[in-house]
Amino acid sequence: MPRRYRFIAWIAPLLLLNWLLLAVVPLAPSGNPIESLAIQVLGGTVFGQTAVAAAWAAFGPMPFRWRLPFSLGWLAILTLVNAINEWLNRQSPGDCVFVGVLLLCQWLLLQFPLWGIAVGFGVQLRHADEIGSGEHPIQRQFGIRQLMLLTAVVGVLFGVGRIAIPYLFREFVLLPIVAPVIAFLIVAEVVMTLPLVVAALLRRHAVIGVLLALTLIGAITACELPLLKMVVSGGSANVQEIIALNVGTATATLALLTIVRLNGYSLVTTRCAAKA
């Protein structure tokens, strides 16, 4: 197997195991607190996989005509395993459609910033063998400065939301309940996974970037519960469940992208890479 495809040998078994667990483990809340948290962590991996699928569609590798259907097919598989879970555990039919729509919305929202980076910086995911050795790495990498700028923008947007959401729910007390919950969940997952996706694929300073992204995730998690309680009056969500969900999301995202990164892939500018 060529070096640039070796990551598949590592990722495929990991994904198959995760899909198997998502298909057979009952995802309904359990009376055992530890078991319930483990279920939340497992559920969070779905959002992490969606973030990686979105990054694949925007950055590569592979030609876009291939990676777009494969990326959407990944979401279809996640929806299918959820349907299998419902069938095996005799849960309410139709929830898999809701999950599929939720994941598609997350995927679509991530496309805007990811393609903004891909087009604005000329960034693609390239293997080290494609880059060559005659180019100075600082000229070709999407670096820590750009990541810090991206993280700052995300933080500012979240801060604005932190102020705006309480105001909106004070002024518009009759806002629908279900739609805000869905929107809140999708936006939170997008905001958390975007910096982590970029940080894990940096050619240099990836560890610093990941730590920065994880710090942002921790800050968002700390603010998430009070915001969610404003959206859902008397909601049953608690901080442990939110933390477990976010841990599952971050773990799946970081595990998959770390495998890709360790197998020689990183974000490079296509203009500079073409000169190599």
Foldseek 3Di string as FASTA:
>chain_A
DDLLPVLCVVVVVVVVVLLVCLQAPQLDADPDPVVVLLSLLSLLLLLLLLLVLLLCCQADDDDNVPSVVVSLVVLVSSLVSNQNNCVNVVHDPPVSVVSSVLSVLLSVVLNVVSNCCCVVQQKHKDFPVLQDDPDDVVQWWPDPVVLVVVLVVLVVVVVVVLVVLVVVCVVCVPPDQPVVLSVLVSSLSNSLVNQCLQLLQTPPPSVVSNVSSVVSNVVSLVSSVVSNCSSPPVDPDDSSSSVSSSNSSSVSNNVSSNSSNVSGIHMTRPVNSVVD
